[in-house]
Amino acid sequence: MKKQKIYEEFKDKFGNVYKFENYLEFSIFWFNMNRKTAQNHFPDNFQTLQNVAANSKEARQKT
């Protein structure tokens, strides 16, 4: 069974659910958002999402 990645489904502090099928879609969403906005909307998992966006194996793969 494939382990689910955090960016496949997560919530903001308002209860909105975000779903991304792949790293590219997630990274476009994440890096187009202002950092302060991201910290405000995702206070419980901001650091984890930031780490995945910047340091995941997918981030280092050539397209």
Protein backbone atom coordinates (compact mmCIF):
# COMPACT_ATOMS: atom_id res chain seq x y z
CA MET A 1 0.00 0.00 0.00
CA LYS A 2 1.30 3.42 -0.97
CA LYS A 3 1.99 5.82 1.88
CA GLN A 4 -0.05 9.00 1.54
CA LYS A 5 1.98 12.19 1.24
CA ILE A 6 0.90 15.21 3.28
CA TYR A 7 0.19 17.29 0.19
CA GLU A 8 -2.32 14.78 -1.12
CA GLU A 9 -4.87 16.05 1.42
CA PHE A 10 -4.63 18.63 4.19
CA LYS A 11 -6.81 21.27 5.85
CA ASP A 12 -6.42 24.92 6.73
CA LYS A 13 -7.56 26.44 10.02
CA PHE A 14 -10.96 27.21 8.49
CA GLY A 15 -11.64 23.55 7.68
CA ASN A 16 -11.09 23.89 3.92
CA VAL A 17 -9.63 20.73 2.42
CA TYR A 18 -6.84 20.90 -0.17
CA LYS A 19 -6.05 17.91 -2.38
CA PHE A 20 -3.22 17.57 -4.86
CA GLU A 21 -2.51 14.51 -6.98
CA ASN A 22 1.18 15.27 -7.42
CA TYR A 23 4.04 17.37 -6.10
CA LEU A 24 4.03 19.78 -9.05
CA GLU A 25 0.43 20.88 -8.44
CA PHE A 26 1.11 21.28 -4.72
CA SER A 27 4.33 23.24 -5.23
CA ILE A 28 2.68 25.67 -7.64
CA PHE A 29 -0.05 26.29 -5.06
CA TRP A 30 2.37 26.56 -2.14
CA PHE A 31 5.03 28.80 -3.69
CA ASN A 32 2.47 31.20 -5.17
CA MET A 33 1.15 31.94 -1.69
CA ASN A 34 2.60 34.65 0.54
CA ARG A 35 4.55 33.12 3.46
CA LYS A 36 2.60 35.05 6.12
CA THR A 37 -0.68 33.95 4.54
CA ALA A 38 0.49 30.34 4.58
CA GLN A 39 1.56 30.61 8.23
CA ASN A 40 -1.81 32.14 9.11
CA HIS A 41 -3.94 29.62 7.18
CA PHE A 42 -1.93 26.51 8.09
CA PRO A 43 -0.73 27.11 11.68
CA ASP A 44 -0.83 23.42 12.68
CA ASN A 45 1.10 22.04 9.73
CA PHE A 46 2.88 25.01 8.13
CA GLN A 47 6.40 23.79 8.91
CA THR A 48 5.70 20.28 7.65
CA LEU A 49 4.15 21.59 4.43
CA GLN A 50 7.03 24.05 3.96
CA ASN A 51 9.59 21.28 4.44
CA VAL A 52 7.82 19.03 1.94
CA ALA A 53 7.58 21.86 -0.59
CA ALA A 54 11.24 22.81 -0.32
CA ASN A 55 13.02 19.58 0.59
CA SER A 56 11.07 16.64 -0.77
CA LYS A 57 12.62 14.16 -3.16
CA GLU A 58 10.20 15.35 -5.84
CA ALA A 59 11.54 18.92 -5.47
CA ARG A 60 14.99 17.74 -6.47
CA GLN A 61 13.96 15.63 -9.46
CA LYS A 62 14.55 16.92 -12.94
CA THR A 63 11.40 17.25 -15.02
